[in-house]
Amino acid sequence: MRLTRQKGPTADQRVRLALSMTIDRRLMTEKVLGTGEKPAWHFTPDVTAGFTPEPSPFEQMSQEELNAQAKTLLSAAGYGPQKPLKLTLLYNTSENHQKIAIAVASMWKKNLGVDVKLQNQEWKTYIDSRNTGNFDVIRASWVGDYNEPSTFLTLLTSTHSGNISRFNNPAYDKVLAQASTENTVKARNADYNTAEKILMEQARLHQFINIPMDD
C-alpha cells in the first residue's frame, strides 16, 4: 500500500509509521490469505538476487509491542479517542483486494481506533485517482522486471513515473545512484540496506506481503 505525503494526516511521519506497525503481517499471510504469501519486512523481497537483508526492527518485535509503540506515535501526532484518525483506503475491484482492505481496516480500527472508509474503484478510475494523488491510502503492488533489488527500490526514487506516493528523499536517491556504480555485490548490498532503512523510517509505504513467483 502507498500513502500520500502531500496532504492530510498521512503527511505526518508518525501517523504513517503507526499505521505500518499495526498491520499484522504474520496474521495477514497465515490467516487472511494463506496461499503461500510471506510476511514482508522490507520493500525488496528477501529472495531477490544480490540482496542480503539486515534484520528489520519490526520483525524482531511481537505484534503486541508494535501495537503499543504505534499507539504512542499516533497519540503524539494528536489522534486518540477524542479525535479519531479518519482515512479513506482506495483499492481497485478484486475479491482478494477487498479481503486485504477489510483486514487492514479492521487492524487499524482495533489497534488504533482509526475510522477507515473503504473505497472500491474500477481500474480506469483507480488509475486516475492513483496518478493524480487523489487518495489517503491506496492499494498497490509491483512485480519486478528483473531479479535484482534495483527493480524494486528505484520505483521510489523522486523521478520515477511509478512513484505514486510522491516520495522525494535526496538521501534515498543518492544511495541508489551510488549502488548503480558499485563494483562489488557487498557494496551494493550495503547501499540497498541503507535505502531500505530510509523507507522504513519514513514509512512511505506498507509492504506487508510478498507473493512467491515461479521462475
N, C-alpha and C. Protein backbone atom coordinates (compact mmCIF):
# COMPACT_ATOMS: atom_id res chain seq x y z
N MET A 1 0.84 -1.19 0.00
CA MET A 1 0.00 0.00 0.00
C MET A 1 0.88 1.24 0.00
N ARG A 2 0.37 2.31 -0.60
CA ARG A 2 1.09 3.57 -0.63
C ARG A 2 0.25 4.63 0.09
N LEU A 3 0.95 5.61 0.66
CA LEU A 3 0.28 6.69 1.39
C LEU A 3 0.68 8.02 0.78
N THR A 4 -0.28 8.93 0.68
CA THR A 4 0.06 10.25 0.19
C THR A 4 0.87 11.00 1.22
N ARG A 5 1.84 11.75 0.75
CA ARG A 5 2.62 12.60 1.64
C ARG A 5 2.34 14.07 1.38
N GLN A 6 1.40 14.32 0.48
CA GLN A 6 1.15 15.69 0.04
C GLN A 6 0.16 16.43 0.94
N LYS A 7 -0.71 15.70 1.61
CA LYS A 7 -1.78 16.36 2.35
C LYS A 7 -2.34 15.42 3.40
N GLY A 8 -3.11 15.99 4.31
CA GLY A 8 -3.86 15.20 5.27
C GLY A 8 -3.00 14.52 6.33
N PRO A 9 -3.61 13.64 7.11
CA PRO A 9 -2.93 13.00 8.25
C PRO A 9 -1.67 12.23 7.87
N THR A 10 -1.66 11.61 6.69
CA THR A 10 -0.52 10.77 6.33
C THR A 10 0.69 11.58 5.89
N ALA A 11 0.58 12.89 5.89
CA ALA A 11 1.77 13.72 5.68
C ALA A 11 2.67 13.69 6.91
N ASP A 12 2.11 13.24 8.04
CA ASP A 12 2.85 13.15 9.30
C ASP A 12 3.53 11.78 9.39
N GLN A 13 4.84 11.79 9.51
CA GLN A 13 5.62 10.56 9.57
C GLN A 13 5.17 9.66 10.72
N ARG A 14 4.76 10.23 11.85
CA ARG A 14 4.33 9.43 13.00
C ARG A 14 3.07 8.65 12.68
N VAL A 15 2.18 9.26 11.93
CA VAL A 15 0.95 8.58 11.52
C VAL A 15 1.28 7.43 10.58
N ARG A 16 2.13 7.70 9.61
CA ARG A 16 2.50 6.65 8.65
C ARG A 16 3.14 5.46 9.35
N LEU A 17 4.03 5.74 10.28
CA LEU A 17 4.73 4.66 10.97
C LEU A 17 3.77 3.87 11.85
N ALA A 18 2.87 4.56 12.53
CA ALA A 18 1.89 3.87 13.37
C ALA A 18 1.01 2.94 12.54
N LEU A 19 0.58 3.40 11.39
CA LEU A 19 -0.25 2.58 10.52
C LEU A 19 0.50 1.34 10.04
N SER A 20 1.76 1.53 9.68
CA SER A 20 2.56 0.40 9.22
C SER A 20 2.76 -0.63 10.32
N MET A 21 3.03 -0.16 11.52
CA MET A 21 3.33 -1.06 12.63
C MET A 21 2.14 -1.93 13.02
N THR A 22 0.94 -1.44 12.83
CA THR A 22 -0.24 -2.17 13.29
C THR A 22 -0.84 -3.08 12.23
N ILE A 23 -0.20 -3.20 11.08
CA ILE A 23 -0.59 -4.24 10.12
C ILE A 23 0.11 -5.53 10.54
N ASP A 24 -0.66 -6.48 10.98
CA ASP A 24 -0.11 -7.76 11.45
C ASP A 24 0.26 -8.61 10.23
N ARG A 25 1.50 -8.54 9.84
CA ARG A 25 1.95 -9.22 8.63
C ARG A 25 1.84 -10.73 8.74
N ARG A 26 2.12 -11.26 9.90
CA ARG A 26 2.04 -12.72 10.08
C ARG A 26 0.59 -13.19 9.97
N LEU A 27 -0.31 -12.48 10.62
CA LEU A 27 -1.72 -12.84 10.55
C LEU A 27 -2.25 -12.70 9.12
N MET A 28 -1.80 -11.65 8.44
CA MET A 28 -2.27 -11.41 7.08
C MET A 28 -1.89 -12.57 6.16
N THR A 29 -0.66 -13.04 6.26
CA THR A 29 -0.22 -14.10 5.36
C THR A 29 -0.73 -15.47 5.77
N GLU A 30 -0.80 -15.72 7.07
CA GLU A 30 -1.16 -17.06 7.53
C GLU A 30 -2.66 -17.30 7.57
N LYS A 31 -3.44 -16.27 7.93
CA LYS A 31 -4.87 -16.47 8.16
C LYS A 31 -5.75 -15.77 7.11
N VAL A 32 -5.46 -14.52 6.82
CA VAL A 32 -6.32 -13.76 5.90
C VAL A 32 -6.18 -14.29 4.48
N LEU A 33 -4.94 -14.53 4.05
CA LEU A 33 -4.70 -15.01 2.70
C LEU A 33 -4.40 -16.51 2.71
N GLY A 34 -3.27 -16.89 3.29
CA GLY A 34 -2.99 -18.30 3.48
C GLY A 34 -2.77 -19.11 2.23
N THR A 35 -2.23 -18.48 1.18
CA THR A 35 -1.98 -19.21 -0.07
C THR A 35 -0.52 -19.10 -0.49
N GLY A 36 0.38 -19.12 0.48
CA GLY A 36 1.80 -19.14 0.17
C GLY A 36 2.51 -17.81 0.26
N GLU A 37 1.78 -16.75 0.60
CA GLU A 37 2.42 -15.45 0.74
C GLU A 37 3.35 -15.44 1.96
N LYS A 38 4.33 -14.54 1.92
CA LYS A 38 5.28 -14.41 3.02
C LYS A 38 5.19 -13.01 3.63
N PRO A 39 5.34 -12.89 4.96
CA PRO A 39 5.37 -11.56 5.56
C PRO A 39 6.52 -10.75 4.98
N ALA A 40 6.26 -9.50 4.66
CA ALA A 40 7.29 -8.63 4.08
C ALA A 40 7.80 -7.66 5.13
N TRP A 41 9.08 -7.74 5.41
CA TRP A 41 9.70 -6.83 6.37
C TRP A 41 10.58 -5.80 5.67
N HIS A 42 10.69 -5.93 4.35
CA HIS A 42 11.45 -5.00 3.53
C HIS A 42 10.66 -4.77 2.25
N PHE A 43 10.96 -3.69 1.54
CA PHE A 43 10.32 -3.46 0.25
C PHE A 43 10.84 -4.48 -0.76
N THR A 44 12.13 -4.75 -0.72
CA THR A 44 12.73 -5.74 -1.61
C THR A 44 12.50 -7.13 -1.03
N PRO A 45 11.91 -8.05 -1.79
CA PRO A 45 11.73 -9.41 -1.28
C PRO A 45 13.07 -10.03 -0.88
N ASP A 46 13.06 -10.77 0.21
CA ASP A 46 14.30 -11.34 0.75
C ASP A 46 14.99 -12.29 -0.22
N VAL A 47 14.24 -12.89 -1.14
CA VAL A 47 14.81 -13.88 -2.06
C VAL A 47 15.42 -13.24 -3.30
N THR A 48 15.39 -11.93 -3.41
CA THR A 48 15.93 -11.26 -4.58
C THR A 48 17.44 -11.44 -4.67
N ALA A 49 17.93 -11.76 -5.86
CA ALA A 49 19.36 -11.97 -6.07
C ALA A 49 20.14 -10.70 -5.73
N GLY A 50 21.27 -10.87 -5.04
CA GLY A 50 22.10 -9.72 -4.71
C GLY A 50 21.64 -8.94 -3.50
N PHE A 51 20.68 -9.50 -2.75
CA PHE A 51 20.16 -8.79 -1.58
C PHE A 51 20.22 -9.69 -0.36
N THR A 52 21.00 -9.29 0.61
CA THR A 52 21.03 -9.95 1.91
C THR A 52 20.51 -8.94 2.92
N PRO A 53 19.24 -9.05 3.30
CA PRO A 53 18.63 -8.01 4.13
C PRO A 53 19.14 -8.02 5.56
N GLU A 54 19.30 -6.83 6.11
CA GLU A 54 19.57 -6.70 7.53
C GLU A 54 18.24 -6.88 8.27
N PRO A 55 18.27 -7.42 9.49
CA PRO A 55 17.02 -7.64 10.22
C PRO A 55 16.23 -6.35 10.41
N SER A 56 14.94 -6.43 10.18
CA SER A 56 14.07 -5.28 10.40
C SER A 56 13.68 -5.20 11.87
N PRO A 57 13.70 -4.01 12.47
CA PRO A 57 13.24 -3.88 13.86
C PRO A 57 11.82 -4.41 14.04
N PHE A 58 10.96 -4.22 13.04
CA PHE A 58 9.59 -4.72 13.12
C PHE A 58 9.57 -6.24 13.27
N GLU A 59 10.41 -6.90 12.51
CA GLU A 59 10.44 -8.36 12.51
C GLU A 59 10.86 -8.92 13.86
N GLN A 60 11.65 -8.17 14.59
CA GLN A 60 12.19 -8.64 15.86
C GLN A 60 11.27 -8.33 17.04
N MET A 61 10.15 -7.65 16.78
CA MET A 61 9.21 -7.30 17.85
C MET A 61 7.94 -8.13 17.73
N SER A 62 7.28 -8.35 18.86
CA SER A 62 5.98 -9.01 18.82
C SER A 62 4.95 -8.01 18.31
N GLN A 63 3.81 -8.52 17.84
CA GLN A 63 2.77 -7.62 17.36
C GLN A 63 2.23 -6.75 18.49
N GLU A 64 2.21 -7.30 19.70
CA GLU A 64 1.75 -6.51 20.85
C GLU A 64 2.68 -5.33 21.10
N GLU A 65 3.98 -5.55 20.97
CA GLU A 65 4.94 -4.46 21.15
C GLU A 65 4.79 -3.41 20.05
N LEU A 66 4.59 -3.87 18.83
CA LEU A 66 4.39 -2.94 17.71
C LEU A 66 3.14 -2.10 17.92
N ASN A 67 2.06 -2.74 18.34
CA ASN A 67 0.81 -2.01 18.57
C ASN A 67 0.96 -0.95 19.66
N ALA A 68 1.67 -1.30 20.72
CA ALA A 68 1.86 -0.35 21.83
C ALA A 68 2.66 0.87 21.37
N GLN A 69 3.72 0.65 20.62
CA GLN A 69 4.51 1.77 20.12
C GLN A 69 3.70 2.62 19.14
N ALA A 70 2.89 1.94 18.33
CA ALA A 70 2.07 2.66 17.36
C ALA A 70 1.06 3.59 18.05
N LYS A 71 0.46 3.13 19.13
CA LYS A 71 -0.49 3.97 19.87
C LYS A 71 0.20 5.21 20.41
N THR A 72 1.41 5.05 20.89
CA THR A 72 2.17 6.20 21.40
C THR A 72 2.46 7.20 20.29
N LEU A 73 2.85 6.69 19.13
CA LEU A 73 3.13 7.56 17.99
C LEU A 73 1.88 8.32 17.54
N LEU A 74 0.76 7.61 17.45
CA LEU A 74 -0.46 8.25 16.98
C LEU A 74 -0.95 9.29 17.97
N SER A 75 -0.80 9.00 19.25
CA SER A 75 -1.17 9.98 20.28
C SER A 75 -0.31 11.22 20.18
N ALA A 76 0.99 11.04 19.94
CA ALA A 76 1.90 12.17 19.79
C ALA A 76 1.54 13.02 18.58
N ALA A 77 0.93 12.38 17.58
CA ALA A 77 0.51 13.10 16.37
C ALA A 77 -0.82 13.81 16.57
N GLY A 78 -1.45 13.61 17.74
CA GLY A 78 -2.68 14.34 18.06
C GLY A 78 -3.96 13.57 17.87
N TYR A 79 -3.87 12.24 17.71
CA TYR A 79 -5.07 11.44 17.48
C TYR A 79 -5.30 10.47 18.63
N GLY A 80 -6.58 10.23 18.92
CA GLY A 80 -6.95 9.34 20.01
C GLY A 80 -8.46 9.24 20.09
N PRO A 81 -8.99 8.71 21.20
CA PRO A 81 -10.43 8.52 21.35
C PRO A 81 -11.25 9.80 21.14
N GLN A 82 -10.72 10.94 21.57
CA GLN A 82 -11.45 12.20 21.42
C GLN A 82 -11.32 12.80 20.02
N LYS A 83 -10.30 12.35 19.30
CA LYS A 83 -10.07 12.83 17.94
C LYS A 83 -9.55 11.67 17.09
N PRO A 84 -10.46 10.78 16.69
CA PRO A 84 -10.01 9.60 15.94
C PRO A 84 -9.48 9.96 14.56
N LEU A 85 -8.47 9.25 14.15
CA LEU A 85 -7.93 9.42 12.80
C LEU A 85 -8.93 8.87 11.80
N LYS A 86 -9.14 9.62 10.72
CA LYS A 86 -10.07 9.19 9.67
C LYS A 86 -9.35 9.14 8.34
N LEU A 87 -9.49 8.00 7.65
CA LEU A 87 -8.79 7.79 6.38
C LEU A 87 -9.70 7.09 5.38
N THR A 88 -9.38 7.29 4.11
CA THR A 88 -10.02 6.52 3.04
C THR A 88 -8.97 5.59 2.44
N LEU A 89 -9.31 4.31 2.34
CA LEU A 89 -8.43 3.31 1.75
C LEU A 89 -9.01 2.92 0.40
N LEU A 90 -8.27 3.22 -0.64
CA LEU A 90 -8.73 3.02 -2.01
C LEU A 90 -8.13 1.74 -2.59
N TYR A 91 -8.96 0.94 -3.24
CA TYR A 91 -8.46 -0.26 -3.90
C TYR A 91 -9.25 -0.50 -5.17
N ASN A 92 -8.63 -1.18 -6.13
CA ASN A 92 -9.33 -1.50 -7.37
C ASN A 92 -10.08 -2.82 -7.23
N THR A 93 -11.10 -2.97 -8.05
CA THR A 93 -12.03 -4.08 -7.94
C THR A 93 -11.34 -5.44 -8.04
N SER A 94 -11.47 -6.22 -6.98
CA SER A 94 -10.93 -7.57 -6.91
C SER A 94 -11.35 -8.15 -5.58
N GLU A 95 -11.78 -9.41 -5.59
CA GLU A 95 -12.20 -10.04 -4.34
C GLU A 95 -11.04 -10.11 -3.34
N ASN A 96 -9.83 -10.41 -3.85
CA ASN A 96 -8.68 -10.51 -2.97
C ASN A 96 -8.27 -9.15 -2.42
N HIS A 97 -8.33 -8.13 -3.27
CA HIS A 97 -8.00 -6.78 -2.81
C HIS A 97 -8.99 -6.32 -1.74
N GLN A 98 -10.26 -6.67 -1.93
CA GLN A 98 -11.27 -6.31 -0.93
C GLN A 98 -10.99 -7.02 0.40
N LYS A 99 -10.62 -8.28 0.33
CA LYS A 99 -10.31 -9.05 1.54
C LYS A 99 -9.16 -8.41 2.31
N ILE A 100 -8.12 -8.00 1.59
CA ILE A 100 -6.97 -7.36 2.23
C ILE A 100 -7.37 -6.02 2.82
N ALA A 101 -8.13 -5.23 2.07
CA ALA A 101 -8.55 -3.91 2.54
C ALA A 101 -9.38 -4.01 3.82
N ILE A 102 -10.30 -4.96 3.86
CA ILE A 102 -11.14 -5.15 5.04
C ILE A 102 -10.28 -5.55 6.24
N ALA A 103 -9.31 -6.44 6.02
CA ALA A 103 -8.45 -6.88 7.11
C ALA A 103 -7.60 -5.74 7.65
N VAL A 104 -7.02 -4.95 6.76
CA VAL A 104 -6.18 -3.82 7.19
C VAL A 104 -7.02 -2.80 7.96
N ALA A 105 -8.20 -2.48 7.43
CA ALA A 105 -9.08 -1.53 8.10
C ALA A 105 -9.46 -2.02 9.50
N SER A 106 -9.70 -3.33 9.62
CA SER A 106 -10.05 -3.91 10.91
C SER A 106 -8.89 -3.81 11.90
N MET A 107 -7.68 -4.05 11.43
CA MET A 107 -6.50 -3.95 12.30
C MET A 107 -6.30 -2.52 12.78
N TRP A 108 -6.45 -1.57 11.87
CA TRP A 108 -6.28 -0.16 12.25
C TRP A 108 -7.36 0.29 13.23
N LYS A 109 -8.59 -0.18 13.03
CA LYS A 109 -9.68 0.17 13.93
C LYS A 109 -9.46 -0.45 15.31
N LYS A 110 -9.13 -1.72 15.35
CA LYS A 110 -8.95 -2.43 16.61
C LYS A 110 -7.78 -1.89 17.43
N ASN A 111 -6.68 -1.62 16.77
CA ASN A 111 -5.45 -1.28 17.49
C ASN A 111 -5.23 0.21 17.68
N LEU A 112 -5.82 1.03 16.79
CA LEU A 112 -5.57 2.47 16.86
C LEU A 112 -6.85 3.31 16.89
N GLY A 113 -8.00 2.66 16.74
CA GLY A 113 -9.25 3.40 16.73
C GLY A 113 -9.46 4.22 15.47
N VAL A 114 -8.79 3.84 14.38
CA VAL A 114 -8.89 4.59 13.13
C VAL A 114 -10.21 4.28 12.43
N ASP A 115 -10.89 5.32 11.98
CA ASP A 115 -12.10 5.15 11.17
C ASP A 115 -11.68 5.11 9.71
N VAL A 116 -11.85 3.95 9.08
CA VAL A 116 -11.41 3.76 7.70
C VAL A 116 -12.61 3.60 6.78
N LYS A 117 -12.67 4.43 5.77
CA LYS A 117 -13.68 4.30 4.73
C LYS A 117 -13.06 3.52 3.58
N LEU A 118 -13.64 2.39 3.23
CA LEU A 118 -13.14 1.59 2.11
C LEU A 118 -13.79 2.08 0.82
N GLN A 119 -12.97 2.33 -0.17
CA GLN A 119 -13.48 2.84 -1.45
C GLN A 119 -12.98 1.95 -2.58
N ASN A 120 -13.92 1.31 -3.26
CA ASN A 120 -13.60 0.43 -4.38
C ASN A 120 -13.83 1.16 -5.70
N GLN A 121 -12.85 1.09 -6.59
CA GLN A 121 -12.99 1.74 -7.90
C GLN A 121 -12.62 0.77 -9.01
N GLU A 122 -13.30 0.91 -10.14
CA GLU A 122 -12.92 0.16 -11.33
C GLU A 122 -11.56 0.64 -11.82
N TRP A 123 -10.89 -0.20 -12.60
CA TRP A 123 -9.48 0.02 -12.93
C TRP A 123 -9.18 1.41 -13.49
N LYS A 124 -9.93 1.88 -14.46
CA LYS A 124 -9.63 3.16 -15.08
C LYS A 124 -9.74 4.31 -14.08
N THR A 125 -10.80 4.29 -13.27
CA THR A 125 -10.98 5.34 -12.26
C THR A 125 -9.90 5.25 -11.20
N TYR A 126 -9.56 4.02 -10.82
CA TYR A 126 -8.49 3.79 -9.84
C TYR A 126 -7.17 4.36 -10.34
N ILE A 127 -6.84 4.12 -11.59
CA ILE A 127 -5.59 4.64 -12.17
C ILE A 127 -5.59 6.16 -12.17
N ASP A 128 -6.73 6.76 -12.51
CA ASP A 128 -6.83 8.22 -12.48
C ASP A 128 -6.58 8.75 -11.06
N SER A 129 -7.20 8.11 -10.08
CA SER A 129 -7.01 8.53 -8.68
C SER A 129 -5.56 8.37 -8.26
N ARG A 130 -4.96 7.27 -8.66
CA ARG A 130 -3.57 6.99 -8.31
C ARG A 130 -2.63 8.02 -8.94
N ASN A 131 -2.83 8.31 -10.20
CA ASN A 131 -1.92 9.20 -10.91
C ASN A 131 -2.05 10.65 -10.48
N THR A 132 -3.22 11.04 -10.00
CA THR A 132 -3.43 12.42 -9.57
C THR A 132 -3.18 12.61 -8.08
N GLY A 133 -2.89 11.51 -7.38
CA GLY A 133 -2.65 11.61 -5.94
C GLY A 133 -3.91 11.82 -5.14
N ASN A 134 -5.05 11.43 -5.71
CA ASN A 134 -6.34 11.63 -5.04
C ASN A 134 -6.66 10.45 -4.13
N PHE A 135 -5.90 10.32 -3.05
CA PHE A 135 -6.10 9.22 -2.10
C PHE A 135 -5.38 9.54 -0.80
N ASP A 136 -5.83 8.87 0.28
CA ASP A 136 -5.08 8.86 1.54
C ASP A 136 -4.14 7.66 1.55
N VAL A 137 -4.76 6.48 1.37
CA VAL A 137 -4.03 5.22 1.31
C VAL A 137 -4.56 4.47 0.10
N ILE A 138 -3.66 3.87 -0.68
CA ILE A 138 -4.09 3.19 -1.89
C ILE A 138 -3.40 1.84 -2.01
N ARG A 139 -4.15 0.86 -2.46
CA ARG A 139 -3.56 -0.46 -2.72
C ARG A 139 -2.62 -0.35 -3.91
N ALA A 140 -1.47 -1.00 -3.78
CA ALA A 140 -0.50 -1.01 -4.87
C ALA A 140 0.35 -2.26 -4.76
N SER A 141 0.85 -2.70 -5.89
CA SER A 141 1.76 -3.85 -5.90
C SER A 141 2.75 -3.67 -7.04
N TRP A 142 3.79 -4.47 -7.00
CA TRP A 142 4.82 -4.35 -8.02
C TRP A 142 5.47 -5.71 -8.25
N VAL A 143 5.57 -6.08 -9.52
CA VAL A 143 6.29 -7.30 -9.91
C VAL A 143 7.58 -6.85 -10.57
N GLY A 144 8.71 -7.30 -10.05
CA GLY A 144 10.00 -6.86 -10.57
C GLY A 144 10.20 -7.22 -12.03
N ASP A 145 10.87 -6.33 -12.76
CA ASP A 145 11.17 -6.57 -14.17
C ASP A 145 12.36 -7.51 -14.33
N TYR A 146 13.18 -7.59 -13.29
CA TYR A 146 14.37 -8.44 -13.33
C TYR A 146 14.73 -8.80 -11.89
N ASN A 147 15.60 -9.77 -11.72
CA ASN A 147 15.90 -10.31 -10.40
C ASN A 147 17.10 -9.58 -9.77
N GLU A 148 16.85 -8.37 -9.29
CA GLU A 148 17.89 -7.55 -8.67
C GLU A 148 17.18 -6.46 -7.88
N PRO A 149 17.71 -6.06 -6.72
CA PRO A 149 16.98 -5.13 -5.85
C PRO A 149 16.59 -3.80 -6.48
N SER A 150 17.36 -3.33 -7.44
CA SER A 150 17.06 -2.02 -8.02
C SER A 150 15.72 -1.99 -8.73
N THR A 151 15.21 -3.14 -9.19
CA THR A 151 13.91 -3.14 -9.86
C THR A 151 12.79 -2.74 -8.90
N PHE A 152 13.02 -2.95 -7.62
CA PHE A 152 12.05 -2.53 -6.61
C PHE A 152 12.38 -1.14 -6.05
N LEU A 153 13.61 -0.96 -5.65
CA LEU A 153 13.97 0.26 -4.91
C LEU A 153 13.94 1.52 -5.77
N THR A 154 14.28 1.41 -7.05
CA THR A 154 14.25 2.61 -7.90
C THR A 154 12.82 3.12 -8.12
N LEU A 155 11.84 2.27 -7.84
CA LEU A 155 10.44 2.67 -8.00
C LEU A 155 10.09 3.88 -7.15
N LEU A 156 10.83 4.07 -6.05
CA LEU A 156 10.53 5.17 -5.14
C LEU A 156 11.55 6.30 -5.21
N THR A 157 12.36 6.32 -6.26
CA THR A 157 13.21 7.48 -6.48
C THR A 157 12.34 8.64 -6.96
N SER A 158 12.82 9.85 -6.75
CA SER A 158 11.97 11.03 -6.94
C SER A 158 11.51 11.24 -8.37
N THR A 159 12.26 10.71 -9.35
CA THR A 159 11.92 10.96 -10.75
C THR A 159 11.21 9.77 -11.42
N HIS A 160 10.97 8.71 -10.69
CA HIS A 160 10.36 7.51 -11.29
C HIS A 160 8.87 7.74 -11.52
N SER A 161 8.40 7.37 -12.70
CA SER A 161 6.98 7.58 -13.04
C SER A 161 6.06 6.72 -12.19
N GLY A 162 6.58 5.65 -11.60
CA GLY A 162 5.75 4.78 -10.76
C GLY A 162 5.72 5.18 -9.31
N ASN A 163 6.33 6.30 -8.97
CA ASN A 163 6.40 6.78 -7.59
C ASN A 163 5.08 7.48 -7.23
N ILE A 164 4.05 6.69 -7.00
CA ILE A 164 2.70 7.24 -6.85
C ILE A 164 2.48 7.96 -5.53
N SER A 165 3.34 7.70 -4.53
CA SER A 165 3.18 8.40 -3.26
C SER A 165 3.97 9.71 -3.22
N ARG A 166 4.65 10.02 -4.34
CA ARG A 166 5.43 11.27 -4.48
C ARG A 166 6.55 11.34 -3.43
N PHE A 167 7.11 10.20 -3.11
CA PHE A 167 8.24 10.17 -2.17
C PHE A 167 9.42 10.90 -2.79
N ASN A 168 10.02 11.81 -2.02
CA ASN A 168 11.14 12.60 -2.52
C ASN A 168 12.15 12.76 -1.39
N ASN A 169 13.20 11.98 -1.45
CA ASN A 169 14.21 11.98 -0.40
C ASN A 169 15.59 11.98 -1.06
N PRO A 170 16.32 13.10 -1.00
CA PRO A 170 17.63 13.18 -1.66
C PRO A 170 18.60 12.10 -1.21
N ALA A 171 18.58 11.76 0.07
CA ALA A 171 19.50 10.73 0.57
C ALA A 171 19.18 9.37 -0.06
N TYR A 172 17.89 9.11 -0.25
CA TYR A 172 17.46 7.86 -0.88
C TYR A 172 17.92 7.82 -2.33
N ASP A 173 17.66 8.90 -3.06
CA ASP A 173 18.10 8.97 -4.46
C ASP A 173 19.61 8.79 -4.56
N LYS A 174 20.33 9.42 -3.67
CA LYS A 174 21.80 9.39 -3.71
C LYS A 174 22.34 7.98 -3.48
N VAL A 175 21.80 7.28 -2.50
CA VAL A 175 22.34 5.96 -2.19
C VAL A 175 22.03 4.96 -3.29
N LEU A 176 20.90 5.13 -3.99
CA LEU A 176 20.61 4.23 -5.10
C LEU A 176 21.46 4.55 -6.32
N ALA A 177 21.73 5.83 -6.54
CA ALA A 177 22.65 6.20 -7.61
C ALA A 177 24.04 5.63 -7.32
N GLN A 178 24.43 5.67 -6.08
CA GLN A 178 25.72 5.12 -5.67
C GLN A 178 25.76 3.61 -5.89
N ALA A 179 24.66 2.93 -5.57
CA ALA A 179 24.59 1.48 -5.75
C ALA A 179 24.83 1.08 -7.20
N SER A 180 24.36 1.90 -8.12
CA SER A 180 24.50 1.57 -9.54
C SER A 180 25.93 1.65 -10.04
N THR A 181 26.82 2.25 -9.25
CA THR A 181 28.22 2.39 -9.66
C THR A 181 29.16 1.51 -8.85
N GLU A 182 28.63 0.78 -7.87
CA GLU A 182 29.48 -0.05 -7.02
C GLU A 182 30.08 -1.21 -7.82
N ASN A 183 31.26 -1.65 -7.41
CA ASN A 183 31.97 -2.71 -8.13
C ASN A 183 31.81 -4.09 -7.50
N THR A 184 31.23 -4.14 -6.30
CA THR A 184 31.09 -5.44 -5.63
C THR A 184 29.67 -5.64 -5.14
N VAL A 185 29.29 -6.90 -5.04
CA VAL A 185 27.96 -7.24 -4.52
C VAL A 185 27.82 -6.76 -3.09
N LYS A 186 28.88 -6.89 -2.30
CA LYS A 186 28.84 -6.48 -0.90
C LYS A 186 28.55 -5.00 -0.76
N ALA A 187 29.20 -4.18 -1.58
CA ALA A 187 29.00 -2.73 -1.51
C ALA A 187 27.59 -2.36 -1.95
N ARG A 188 27.12 -2.99 -3.02
CA ARG A 188 25.75 -2.72 -3.48
C ARG A 188 24.73 -3.12 -2.43
N ASN A 189 24.95 -4.28 -1.80
CA ASN A 189 24.02 -4.74 -0.78
C ASN A 189 23.96 -3.76 0.39
N ALA A 190 25.10 -3.20 0.76
CA ALA A 190 25.12 -2.21 1.85
C ALA A 190 24.29 -0.99 1.46
N ASP A 191 24.41 -0.56 0.21
CA ASP A 191 23.62 0.59 -0.25
C ASP A 191 22.13 0.25 -0.25
N TYR A 192 21.79 -0.95 -0.70
CA TYR A 192 20.38 -1.33 -0.74
C TYR A 192 19.79 -1.39 0.67
N ASN A 193 20.55 -1.86 1.63
CA ASN A 193 20.05 -1.90 3.00
C ASN A 193 19.91 -0.50 3.58
N THR A 194 20.78 0.42 3.18
CA THR A 194 20.62 1.81 3.60
C THR A 194 19.33 2.39 3.04
N ALA A 195 19.04 2.08 1.78
CA ALA A 195 17.80 2.55 1.16
C ALA A 195 16.58 1.97 1.87
N GLU A 196 16.64 0.69 2.21
CA GLU A 196 15.54 0.05 2.93
C GLU A 196 15.31 0.71 4.29
N LYS A 197 16.38 1.07 4.96
CA LYS A 197 16.26 1.72 6.27
C LYS A 197 15.57 3.07 6.14
N ILE A 198 15.89 3.82 5.08
CA ILE A 198 15.24 5.11 4.85
C ILE A 198 13.74 4.91 4.64
N LEU A 199 13.38 3.91 3.86
CA LEU A 199 11.96 3.65 3.61
C LEU A 199 11.23 3.28 4.89
N MET A 200 11.86 2.46 5.72
CA MET A 200 11.22 2.06 6.97
C MET A 200 11.01 3.26 7.88
N GLU A 201 12.04 4.10 8.00
CA GLU A 201 11.95 5.25 8.89
C GLU A 201 10.91 6.26 8.41
N GLN A 202 10.80 6.41 7.11
CA GLN A 202 9.85 7.38 6.56
C GLN A 202 8.45 6.79 6.41
N ALA A 203 8.37 5.45 6.42
CA ALA A 203 7.08 4.75 6.30
C ALA A 203 6.27 5.29 5.13
N ARG A 204 6.93 5.34 3.99
CA ARG A 204 6.26 5.84 2.79
C ARG A 204 5.32 4.82 2.18
N LEU A 205 5.48 3.56 2.55
CA LEU A 205 4.64 2.52 2.01
C LEU A 205 4.46 1.45 3.07
N HIS A 206 3.45 0.62 2.88
CA HIS A 206 3.24 -0.51 3.77
C HIS A 206 3.38 -1.77 2.93
N GLN A 207 4.57 -2.31 2.90
CA GLN A 207 4.80 -3.58 2.21
C GLN A 207 4.59 -4.66 3.25
N PHE A 208 3.54 -5.45 3.12
CA PHE A 208 3.29 -6.42 4.19
C PHE A 208 3.19 -7.85 3.72
N ILE A 209 3.15 -8.08 2.39
CA ILE A 209 3.21 -9.46 1.90
C ILE A 209 4.09 -9.52 0.67
N ASN A 210 4.78 -10.64 0.52
CA ASN A 210 5.48 -10.97 -0.70
C ASN A 210 4.86 -12.24 -1.25
N ILE A 211 4.60 -12.26 -2.54
CA ILE A 211 3.99 -13.42 -3.18
C ILE A 211 5.06 -14.14 -3.98
N PRO A 212 5.41 -15.38 -3.62
CA PRO A 212 6.42 -16.12 -4.37
C PRO A 212 5.99 -16.29 -5.82
N MET A 213 6.93 -16.06 -6.74
CA MET A 213 6.66 -16.20 -8.16
C MET A 213 7.47 -17.36 -8.71
N ASP A 214 6.87 -18.12 -9.62
CA ASP A 214 7.60 -19.21 -10.25
C ASP A 214 8.65 -18.64 -11.19
N ASP A 215 9.76 -19.39 -11.36
CA ASP A 215 10.81 -18.97 -12.28
C ASP A 215 10.32 -19.08 -13.72
